[in-house]
Amino acid sequence: MSRLERDLIRAVASSAEQTVPGAAASLVRSRDWSSSLFSGMRLTVEIKADENEAFEIWLADLPEAEIAVRGYFVASADLVERREGVAVVEFLLVEES
């Protein structure tokens, strides 16, 4: 696992645990990403937590949350799958220049 992957997992888990104690995050997959102006990574993360209102609120607020990852900024956080106690989110991280 790369430093970027570890840093994102750590940051997401920390953010989730502040709202939903016991929440955990794990990497599903990652892939390089680039546009004509930027480069970065798309990382898909599975977040497991107790199914409750706090988890729903955290997920709803996630696209606007400040997730700090050294050397990158989180350009987007999109929910791609949702089931009981589990959310799969794809993050787009863009290299800071």
PDB file of N, CA and C in Angstrom:
ATOM      1  N   MET A   1       0.844  -1.172   0.000  1.00  0.00           N
ATOM      2  CA  MET A   1       0.000   0.000   0.000  1.00  0.00           C
ATOM      3  C   MET A   1       0.893   1.239   0.000  1.00  0.00           C
ATOM      4  N   SER A   2       0.564   2.196  -0.839  1.00  0.00           N
ATOM      5  CA  SER A   2       1.376   3.410  -0.952  1.00  0.00           C
ATOM      6  C   SER A   2       1.119   4.357   0.221  1.00  0.00           C
ATOM      7  N   ARG A   3       1.993   5.336   0.375  1.00  0.00           N
ATOM      8  CA  ARG A   3       1.825   6.351   1.416  1.00  0.00           C
ATOM      9  C   ARG A   3       0.512   7.095   1.210  1.00  0.00           C
ATOM     10  N   LEU A   4       0.195   7.447  -0.026  1.00  0.00           N
ATOM     11  CA  LEU A   4      -1.038   8.159  -0.325  1.00  0.00           C
ATOM     12  C   LEU A   4      -2.256   7.340   0.097  1.00  0.00           C
ATOM     13  N   GLU A   5      -2.260   6.062  -0.230  1.00  0.00           N
ATOM     14  CA  GLU A   5      -3.372   5.196   0.153  1.00  0.00           C
ATOM     15  C   GLU A   5      -3.504   5.115   1.675  1.00  0.00           C
ATOM     16  N   ARG A   6      -2.370   4.913   2.363  1.00  0.00           N
ATOM     17  CA  ARG A   6      -2.396   4.856   3.834  1.00  0.00           C
ATOM     18  C   ARG A   6      -2.890   6.167   4.436  1.00  0.00           C
ATOM     19  N   ASP A   7      -2.398   7.286   3.907  1.00  0.00           N
ATOM     20  CA  ASP A   7      -2.792   8.592   4.443  1.00  0.00           C
ATOM     21  C   ASP A   7      -4.293   8.842   4.267  1.00  0.00           C
ATOM     22  N   LEU A   8      -4.823   8.476   3.103  1.00  0.00           N
ATOM     23  CA  LEU A   8      -6.254   8.686   2.887  1.00  0.00           C
ATOM     24  C   LEU A   8      -7.076   7.795   3.812  1.00  0.00           C
ATOM     25  N   ILE A   9      -6.717   6.530   3.915  1.00  0.00           N
ATOM     26  CA  ILE A   9      -7.447   5.612   4.792  1.00  0.00           C
ATOM     27  C   ILE A   9      -7.432   6.133   6.226  1.00  0.00           C
ATOM     28  N   ARG A  10      -6.267   6.558   6.685  1.00  0.00           N
ATOM     29  CA  ARG A  10      -6.132   7.094   8.045  1.00  0.00           C
ATOM     30  C   ARG A  10      -7.012   8.339   8.230  1.00  0.00           C
ATOM     31  N   ALA A  11      -7.005   9.247   7.258  1.00  0.00           N
ATOM     32  CA  ALA A  11      -7.781  10.485   7.359  1.00  0.00           C
ATOM     33  C   ALA A  11      -9.284  10.211   7.329  1.00  0.00           C
ATOM     34  N   VAL A  12      -9.723   9.306   6.475  1.00  0.00           N
ATOM     35  CA  VAL A  12     -11.147   8.974   6.389  1.00  0.00           C
ATOM     36  C   VAL A  12     -11.603   8.283   7.675  1.00  0.00           C
ATOM     37  N   ALA A  13     -10.824   7.312   8.149  1.00  0.00           N
ATOM     38  CA  ALA A  13     -11.180   6.612   9.387  1.00  0.00           C
ATOM     39  C   ALA A  13     -11.251   7.583  10.558  1.00  0.00           C
ATOM     40  N   SER A  14     -10.292   8.494  10.647  1.00  0.00           N
ATOM     41  CA  SER A  14     -10.281   9.474  11.730  1.00  0.00           C
ATOM     42  C   SER A  14     -11.517  10.375  11.660  1.00  0.00           C
ATOM     43  N   SER A  15     -11.851  10.840  10.472  1.00  0.00           N
ATOM     44  CA  SER A  15     -13.026  11.686  10.299  1.00  0.00           C
ATOM     45  C   SER A  15     -14.296  10.938  10.689  1.00  0.00           C
ATOM     46  N   ALA A  16     -14.436   9.712  10.239  1.00  0.00           N
ATOM     47  CA  ALA A  16     -15.627   8.920  10.548  1.00  0.00           C
ATOM     48  C   ALA A  16     -15.732   8.641  12.041  1.00  0.00           C
ATOM     49  N   GLU A  17     -14.601   8.286  12.671  1.00  0.00           N
ATOM     50  CA  GLU A  17     -14.612   7.944  14.096  1.00  0.00           C
ATOM     51  C   GLU A  17     -15.000   9.126  14.983  1.00  0.00           C
ATOM     52  N   GLN A  18     -14.763  10.339  14.515  1.00  0.00           N
ATOM     53  CA  GLN A  18     -15.154  11.510  15.298  1.00  0.00           C
ATOM     54  C   GLN A  18     -16.668  11.597  15.437  1.00  0.00           C
ATOM     55  N   THR A  19     -17.384  11.083  14.450  1.00  0.00           N
ATOM     56  CA  THR A  19     -18.839  11.115  14.475  1.00  0.00           C
ATOM     57  C   THR A  19     -19.438   9.775  14.855  1.00  0.00           C
ATOM     58  N   VAL A  20     -18.816   8.698  14.378  1.00  0.00           N
ATOM     59  CA  VAL A  20     -19.341   7.345  14.585  1.00  0.00           C
ATOM     60  C   VAL A  20     -18.238   6.500  15.211  1.00  0.00           C
ATOM     61  N   PRO A  21     -18.158   6.456  16.551  1.00  0.00           N
ATOM     62  CA  PRO A  21     -17.106   5.670  17.205  1.00  0.00           C
ATOM     63  C   PRO A  21     -17.089   4.218  16.697  1.00  0.00           C
ATOM     64  N   GLY A  22     -15.888   3.713  16.467  1.00  0.00           N
ATOM     65  CA  GLY A  22     -15.728   2.350  15.985  1.00  0.00           C
ATOM     66  C   GLY A  22     -15.758   2.207  14.482  1.00  0.00           C
ATOM     67  N   ALA A  23     -15.952   3.297  13.753  1.00  0.00           N
ATOM     68  CA  ALA A  23     -15.952   3.235  12.290  1.00  0.00           C
ATOM     69  C   ALA A  23     -14.569   2.814  11.792  1.00  0.00           C
ATOM     70  N   ALA A  24     -14.548   2.128  10.677  1.00  0.00           N
ATOM     71  CA  ALA A  24     -13.284   1.662  10.089  1.00  0.00           C
ATOM     72  C   ALA A  24     -13.328   1.879   8.581  1.00  0.00           C
ATOM     73  N   ALA A  25     -12.158   2.100   8.003  1.00  0.00           N
ATOM     74  CA  ALA A  25     -12.055   2.313   6.560  1.00  0.00           C
ATOM     75  C   ALA A  25     -11.003   1.378   5.990  1.00  0.00           C
ATOM     76  N   SER A  26     -11.244   0.915   4.776  1.00  0.00           N
ATOM     77  CA  SER A  26     -10.268   0.067   4.094  1.00  0.00           C
ATOM     78  C   SER A  26     -10.288   0.373   2.604  1.00  0.00           C
ATOM     79  N   LEU A  27      -9.144   0.162   1.980  1.00  0.00           N
ATOM     80  CA  LEU A  27      -8.986   0.440   0.557  1.00  0.00           C
ATOM     81  C   LEU A  27      -9.590  -0.694  -0.263  1.00  0.00           C
ATOM     82  N   VAL A  28     -10.400  -0.340  -1.253  1.00  0.00           N
ATOM     83  CA  VAL A  28     -10.959  -1.318  -2.188  1.00  0.00           C
ATOM     84  C   VAL A  28     -10.094  -1.376  -3.438  1.00  0.00           C
ATOM     85  N   ARG A  29      -9.786  -0.198  -3.986  1.00  0.00           N
ATOM     86  CA  ARG A  29      -8.920  -0.128  -5.174  1.00  0.00           C
ATOM     87  C   ARG A  29      -8.427   1.302  -5.362  1.00  0.00           C
ATOM     88  N   SER A  30      -7.381   1.427  -6.160  1.00  0.00           N
ATOM     89  CA  SER A  30      -6.877   2.754  -6.518  1.00  0.00           C
ATOM     90  C   SER A  30      -6.396   2.706  -7.957  1.00  0.00           C
ATOM     91  N   ARG A  31      -6.442   3.866  -8.585  1.00  0.00           N
ATOM     92  CA  ARG A  31      -5.942   3.959  -9.961  1.00  0.00           C
ATOM     93  C   ARG A  31      -5.495   5.379 -10.233  1.00  0.00           C
ATOM     94  N   ASP A  32      -4.524   5.496 -11.112  1.00  0.00           N
ATOM     95  CA  ASP A  32      -4.045   6.810 -11.512  1.00  0.00           C
ATOM     96  C   ASP A  32      -5.156   7.567 -12.223  1.00  0.00           C
ATOM     97  N   TRP A  33      -5.086   8.875 -12.131  1.00  0.00           N
ATOM     98  CA  TRP A  33      -6.052   9.747 -12.786  1.00  0.00           C
ATOM     99  C   TRP A  33      -5.303  10.959 -13.307  1.00  0.00           C
ATOM    100  N   SER A  34      -5.737  11.471 -14.454  1.00  0.00           N
ATOM    101  CA  SER A  34      -5.165  12.730 -14.942  1.00  0.00           C
ATOM    102  C   SER A  34      -6.142  13.402 -15.887  1.00  0.00           C
ATOM    103  N   SER A  35      -5.979  14.708 -15.984  1.00  0.00           N
ATOM    104  CA  SER A  35      -6.712  15.514 -16.957  1.00  0.00           C
ATOM    105  C   SER A  35      -5.650  16.292 -17.720  1.00  0.00           C
ATOM    106  N   SER A  36      -6.065  17.189 -18.567  1.00  0.00           N
ATOM    107  CA  SER A  36      -5.073  17.955 -19.322  1.00  0.00           C
ATOM    108  C   SER A  36      -4.257  18.882 -18.419  1.00  0.00           C
ATOM    109  N   LEU A  37      -4.777  19.223 -17.232  1.00  0.00           N
ATOM    110  CA  LEU A  37      -4.089  20.157 -16.342  1.00  0.00           C
ATOM    111  C   LEU A  37      -3.607  19.551 -15.027  1.00  0.00           C
ATOM    112  N   PHE A  38      -4.216  18.456 -14.594  1.00  0.00           N
ATOM    113  CA  PHE A  38      -3.935  17.920 -13.269  1.00  0.00           C
ATOM    114  C   PHE A  38      -3.654  16.425 -13.322  1.00  0.00           C
ATOM    115  N   SER A  39      -3.025  15.942 -12.258  1.00  0.00           N
ATOM    116  CA  SER A  39      -2.851  14.503 -12.109  1.00  0.00           C
ATOM    117  C   SER A  39      -3.126  14.133 -10.658  1.00  0.00           C
ATOM    118  N   GLY A  40      -3.434  12.873 -10.451  1.00  0.00           N
ATOM    119  CA  GLY A  40      -3.741  12.424  -9.105  1.00  0.00           C
ATOM    120  C   GLY A  40      -4.128  10.968  -9.098  1.00  0.00           C
ATOM    121  N   MET A  41      -5.009  10.627  -8.157  1.00  0.00           N
ATOM    122  CA  MET A  41      -5.447   9.240  -7.979  1.00  0.00           C
ATOM    123  C   MET A  41      -6.930   9.206  -7.664  1.00  0.00           C
ATOM    124  N   ARG A  42      -7.574   8.151  -8.102  1.00  0.00           N
ATOM    125  CA  ARG A  42      -8.934   7.822  -7.670  1.00  0.00           C
ATOM    126  C   ARG A  42      -8.796   6.641  -6.724  1.00  0.00           C
ATOM    127  N   LEU A  43      -9.300   6.807  -5.530  1.00  0.00           N
ATOM    128  CA  LEU A  43      -9.221   5.742  -4.524  1.00  0.00           C
ATOM    129  C   LEU A  43     -10.624   5.408  -4.049  1.00  0.00           C
ATOM    130  N   THR A  44     -10.949   4.133  -4.081  1.00  0.00           N
ATOM    131  CA  THR A  44     -12.244   3.672  -3.616  1.00  0.00           C
ATOM    132  C   THR A  44     -12.054   3.070  -2.235  1.00  0.00           C
ATOM    133  N   VAL A  45     -12.840   3.561  -1.289  1.00  0.00           N
ATOM    134  CA  VAL A  45     -12.692   3.203   0.117  1.00  0.00           C
ATOM    135  C   VAL A  45     -14.015   2.658   0.646  1.00  0.00           C
ATOM    136  N   GLU A  46     -13.918   1.571   1.401  1.00  0.00           N
ATOM    137  CA  GLU A  46     -15.090   1.014   2.070  1.00  0.00           C
ATOM    138  C   GLU A  46     -15.062   1.471   3.521  1.00  0.00           C
ATOM    139  N   ILE A  47     -16.159   2.045   3.969  1.00  0.00           N
ATOM    140  CA  ILE A  47     -16.276   2.525   5.344  1.00  0.00           C
ATOM    141  C   ILE A  47     -17.350   1.697   6.038  1.00  0.00           C
ATOM    142  N   LYS A  48     -16.981   1.082   7.155  1.00  0.00           N
ATOM    143  CA  LYS A  48     -17.923   0.276   7.938  1.00  0.00           C
ATOM    144  C   LYS A  48     -18.180   0.987   9.255  1.00  0.00           C
ATOM    145  N   ALA A  49     -19.446   1.053   9.622  1.00  0.00           N
ATOM    146  CA  ALA A  49     -19.825   1.705  10.875  1.00  0.00           C
ATOM    147  C   ALA A  49     -21.188   1.199  11.307  1.00  0.00           C
ATOM    148  N   ASP A  50     -21.486   1.409  12.582  1.00  0.00           N
ATOM    149  CA  ASP A  50     -22.822   1.074  13.065  1.00  0.00           C
ATOM    150  C   ASP A  50     -23.843   1.866  12.267  1.00  0.00           C
ATOM    151  N   GLU A  51     -24.892   1.185  11.874  1.00  0.00           N
ATOM    152  CA  GLU A  51     -25.947   1.834  11.098  1.00  0.00           C
ATOM    153  C   GLU A  51     -26.792   2.682  12.040  1.00  0.00           C
ATOM    154  N   ASN A  52     -26.607   3.994  11.949  1.00  0.00           N
ATOM    155  CA  ASN A  52     -27.388   4.906  12.776  1.00  0.00           C
ATOM    156  C   ASN A  52     -27.434   6.270  12.094  1.00  0.00           C
ATOM    157  N   GLU A  53     -28.142   7.175  12.708  1.00  0.00           N
ATOM    158  CA  GLU A  53     -28.318   8.503  12.119  1.00  0.00           C
ATOM    159  C   GLU A  53     -26.991   9.254  12.000  1.00  0.00           C
ATOM    160  N   ALA A  54     -26.099   9.062  12.954  1.00  0.00           N
ATOM    161  CA  ALA A  54     -24.796   9.746  12.906  1.00  0.00           C
ATOM    162  C   ALA A  54     -24.009   9.340  11.661  1.00  0.00           C
ATOM    163  N   PHE A  55     -24.054   8.059  11.306  1.00  0.00           N
ATOM    164  CA  PHE A  55     -23.360   7.582  10.101  1.00  0.00           C
ATOM    165  C   PHE A  55     -23.987   8.225   8.857  1.00  0.00           C
ATOM    166  N   GLU A  56     -25.304   8.297   8.812  1.00  0.00           N
ATOM    167  CA  GLU A  56     -25.988   8.927   7.674  1.00  0.00           C
ATOM    168  C   GLU A  56     -25.601  10.402   7.548  1.00  0.00           C
ATOM    169  N   ILE A  57     -25.547  11.091   8.658  1.00  0.00           N
ATOM    170  CA  ILE A  57     -25.177  12.508   8.643  1.00  0.00           C
ATOM    171  C   ILE A  57     -23.732  12.667   8.172  1.00  0.00           C
ATOM    172  N   TRP A  58     -22.835  11.823   8.687  1.00  0.00           N
ATOM    173  CA  TRP A  58     -21.433  11.894   8.278  1.00  0.00           C
ATOM    174  C   TRP A  58     -21.309  11.669   6.764  1.00  0.00           C
ATOM    175  N   LEU A  59     -22.007  10.669   6.246  1.00  0.00           N
ATOM    176  CA  LEU A  59     -21.961  10.402   4.804  1.00  0.00           C
ATOM    177  C   LEU A  59     -22.508  11.574   3.995  1.00  0.00           C
ATOM    178  N   ALA A  60     -23.594  12.161   4.452  1.00  0.00           N
ATOM    179  CA  ALA A  60     -24.188  13.297   3.745  1.00  0.00           C
ATOM    180  C   ALA A  60     -23.239  14.491   3.721  1.00  0.00           C
ATOM    181  N   ASP A  61     -22.481  14.674   4.798  1.00  0.00           N
ATOM    182  CA  ASP A  61     -21.554  15.807   4.894  1.00  0.00           C
ATOM    183  C   ASP A  61     -20.196  15.534   4.246  1.00  0.00           C
ATOM    184  N   LEU A  62     -19.910  14.288   3.911  1.00  0.00           N
ATOM    185  CA  LEU A  62     -18.580  13.910   3.413  1.00  0.00           C
ATOM    186  C   LEU A  62     -18.126  14.683   2.173  1.00  0.00           C
ATOM    187  N   PRO A  63     -18.977  14.945   1.181  1.00  0.00           N
ATOM    188  CA  PRO A  63     -18.492  15.684   0.013  1.00  0.00           C
ATOM    189  C   PRO A  63     -17.935  17.077   0.333  1.00  0.00           C
ATOM    190  N   GLU A  64     -18.369  17.663   1.429  1.00  0.00           N
ATOM    191  CA  GLU A  64     -17.897  18.991   1.832  1.00  0.00           C
ATOM    192  C   GLU A  64     -16.870  18.943   2.959  1.00  0.00           C
ATOM    193  N   ALA A  65     -16.556  17.761   3.447  1.00  0.00           N
ATOM    194  CA  ALA A  65     -15.641  17.620   4.585  1.00  0.00           C
ATOM    195  C   ALA A  65     -14.211  17.961   4.183  1.00  0.00           C
ATOM    196  N   GLU A  66     -13.454  18.434   5.150  1.00  0.00           N
ATOM    197  CA  GLU A  66     -12.033  18.704   4.954  1.00  0.00           C
ATOM    198  C   GLU A  66     -11.255  17.444   5.311  1.00  0.00           C
ATOM    199  N   ILE A  67     -10.826  16.713   4.310  1.00  0.00           N
ATOM    200  CA  ILE A  67     -10.019  15.511   4.504  1.00  0.00           C
ATOM    201  C   ILE A  67      -8.595  15.897   4.084  1.00  0.00           C
ATOM    202  N   ALA A  68      -7.687  15.905   5.041  1.00  0.00           N
ATOM    203  CA  ALA A  68      -6.311  16.343   4.775  1.00  0.00           C
ATOM    204  C   ALA A  68      -5.434  15.153   4.392  1.00  0.00           C
ATOM    205  N   VAL A  69      -4.814  15.258   3.224  1.00  0.00           N
ATOM    206  CA  VAL A  69      -3.874  14.252   2.744  1.00  0.00           C
ATOM    207  C   VAL A  69      -2.653  14.998   2.215  1.00  0.00           C
ATOM    208  N   ARG A  70      -1.518  14.767   2.831  1.00  0.00           N
ATOM    209  CA  ARG A  70      -0.290  15.488   2.510  1.00  0.00           C
ATOM    210  C   ARG A  70       0.040  15.422   1.008  1.00  0.00           C
ATOM    211  N   GLY A  71       0.211  16.604   0.398  1.00  0.00           N
ATOM    212  CA  GLY A  71       0.603  16.705  -1.002  1.00  0.00           C
ATOM    213  C   GLY A  71      -0.538  16.632  -1.995  1.00  0.00           C
ATOM    214  N   TYR A  72      -1.761  16.455  -1.498  1.00  0.00           N
ATOM    215  CA  TYR A  72      -2.936  16.322  -2.361  1.00  0.00           C
ATOM    216  C   TYR A  72      -4.093  17.098  -1.774  1.00  0.00           C
ATOM    217  N   PHE A  73      -5.065  17.411  -2.623  1.00  0.00           N
ATOM    218  CA  PHE A  73      -6.327  17.893  -2.084  1.00  0.00           C
ATOM    219  C   PHE A  73      -7.427  16.972  -2.591  1.00  0.00           C
ATOM    220  N   VAL A  74      -8.437  16.797  -1.755  1.00  0.00           N
ATOM    221  CA  VAL A  74      -9.552  15.921  -2.104  1.00  0.00           C
ATOM    222  C   VAL A  74     -10.520  16.740  -2.952  1.00  0.00           C
ATOM    223  N   ALA A  75     -10.572  16.409  -4.235  1.00  0.00           N
ATOM    224  CA  ALA A  75     -11.411  17.145  -5.170  1.00  0.00           C
ATOM    225  C   ALA A  75     -12.861  16.676  -5.124  1.00  0.00           C
ATOM    226  N   SER A  76     -13.067  15.397  -4.816  1.00  0.00           N
ATOM    227  CA  SER A  76     -14.440  14.901  -4.703  1.00  0.00           C
ATOM    228  C   SER A  76     -14.477  13.639  -3.852  1.00  0.00           C
ATOM    229  N   ALA A  77     -15.658  13.398  -3.297  1.00  0.00           N
ATOM    230  CA  ALA A  77     -15.928  12.185  -2.520  1.00  0.00           C
ATOM    231  C   ALA A  77     -17.346  11.763  -2.892  1.00  0.00           C
ATOM    232  N   ASP A  78     -17.454  10.718  -3.710  1.00  0.00           N
ATOM    233  CA  ASP A  78     -18.749  10.297  -4.247  1.00  0.00           C
ATOM    234  C   ASP A  78     -19.146   8.929  -3.705  1.00  0.00           C
ATOM    235  N   LEU A  79     -20.339   8.862  -3.143  1.00  0.00           N
ATOM    236  CA  LEU A  79     -20.875   7.598  -2.659  1.00  0.00           C
ATOM    237  C   LEU A  79     -21.218   6.740  -3.874  1.00  0.00           C
ATOM    238  N   VAL A  80     -20.626   5.540  -3.956  1.00  0.00           N
ATOM    239  CA  VAL A  80     -20.866   4.670  -5.108  1.00  0.00           C
ATOM    240  C   VAL A  80     -21.649   3.413  -4.745  1.00  0.00           C
ATOM    241  N   GLU A  81     -21.707   3.083  -3.460  1.00  0.00           N
ATOM    242  CA  GLU A  81     -22.479   1.921  -3.023  1.00  0.00           C
ATOM    243  C   GLU A  81     -22.847   2.106  -1.560  1.00  0.00           C
ATOM    244  N   ARG A  82     -24.058   1.663  -1.215  1.00  0.00           N
ATOM    245  CA  ARG A  82     -24.516   1.800   0.173  1.00  0.00           C
ATOM    246  C   ARG A  82     -25.314   0.565   0.538  1.00  0.00           C
ATOM    247  N   ARG A  83     -24.951  -0.067   1.627  1.00  0.00           N
ATOM    248  CA  ARG A  83     -25.716  -1.176   2.183  1.00  0.00           C
ATOM    249  C   ARG A  83     -25.643  -1.082   3.705  1.00  0.00           C
ATOM    250  N   GLU A  84     -26.339  -1.930   4.387  1.00  0.00           N
ATOM    251  CA  GLU A  84     -26.424  -1.878   5.850  1.00  0.00           C
ATOM    252  C   GLU A  84     -25.043  -1.829   6.503  1.00  0.00           C
ATOM    253  N   GLY A  85     -24.734  -0.708   7.153  1.00  0.00           N
ATOM    254  CA  GLY A  85     -23.478  -0.564   7.891  1.00  0.00           C
ATOM    255  C   GLY A  85     -22.237  -0.384   7.040  1.00  0.00           C
ATOM    256  N   VAL A  86     -22.403  -0.224   5.728  1.00  0.00           N
ATOM    257  CA  VAL A  86     -21.251  -0.106   4.824  1.00  0.00           C
ATOM    258  C   VAL A  86     -21.537   0.965   3.773  1.00  0.00           C
ATOM    259  N   ALA A  87     -20.532   1.786   3.523  1.00  0.00           N
ATOM    260  CA  ALA A  87     -20.592   2.753   2.437  1.00  0.00           C
ATOM    261  C   ALA A  87     -19.300   2.630   1.634  1.00  0.00           C
ATOM    262  N   VAL A  88     -19.432   2.651   0.323  1.00  0.00           N
ATOM    263  CA  VAL A  88     -18.261   2.635  -0.551  1.00  0.00           C
ATOM    264  C   VAL A  88     -18.201   4.011  -1.213  1.00  0.00           C
ATOM    265  N   VAL A  89     -17.067   4.676  -1.035  1.00  0.00           N
ATOM    266  CA  VAL A  89     -16.907   6.048  -1.501  1.00  0.00           C
ATOM    267  C   VAL A  89     -15.682   6.124  -2.401  1.00  0.00           C
ATOM    268  N   GLU A  90     -15.829   6.810  -3.538  1.00  0.00           N
ATOM    269  CA  GLU A  90     -14.678   7.036  -4.418  1.00  0.00           C
ATOM    270  C   GLU A  90     -14.187   8.470  -4.212  1.00  0.00           C
ATOM    271  N   PHE A  91     -12.922   8.573  -3.871  1.00  0.00           N
ATOM    272  CA  PHE A  91     -12.274   9.858  -3.652  1.00  0.00           C
ATOM    273  C   PHE A  91     -11.389  10.190  -4.851  1.00  0.00           C
ATOM    274  N   LEU A  92     -11.429  11.425  -5.285  1.00  0.00           N
ATOM    275  CA  LEU A  92     -10.499  11.905  -6.291  1.00  0.00           C
ATOM    276  C   LEU A  92      -9.514  12.818  -5.576  1.00  0.00           C
ATOM    277  N   LEU A  93      -8.247  12.416  -5.579  1.00  0.00           N
ATOM    278  CA  LEU A  93      -7.195  13.217  -4.972  1.00  0.00           C
ATOM    279  C   LEU A  93      -6.315  13.792  -6.074  1.00  0.00           C
ATOM    280  N   VAL A  94      -6.146  15.100  -6.049  1.00  0.00           N
ATOM    281  CA  VAL A  94      -5.371  15.807  -7.062  1.00  0.00           C
ATOM    282  C   VAL A  94      -4.085  16.313  -6.434  1.00  0.00           C
ATOM    283  N   GLU A  95      -2.974  16.092  -7.145  1.00  0.00           N
ATOM    284  CA  GLU A  95      -1.679  16.560  -6.639  1.00  0.00           C
ATOM    285  C   GLU A  95      -1.680  18.073  -6.517  1.00  0.00           C
ATOM    286  N   GLU A  96      -1.164  18.542  -5.388  1.00  0.00           N
ATOM    287  CA  GLU A  96      -0.976  19.985  -5.214  1.00  0.00           C
ATOM    288  C   GLU A  96       0.275  20.402  -5.970  1.00  0.00           C
ATOM    289  N   SER A  97       0.244  21.564  -6.596  1.00  0.00           N
ATOM    290  CA  SER A  97       1.438  21.987  -7.334  1.00  0.00           C
ATOM    291  C   SER A  97       2.203  23.047  -6.619  1.00  0.00           C
TER     292      SER A  97
END
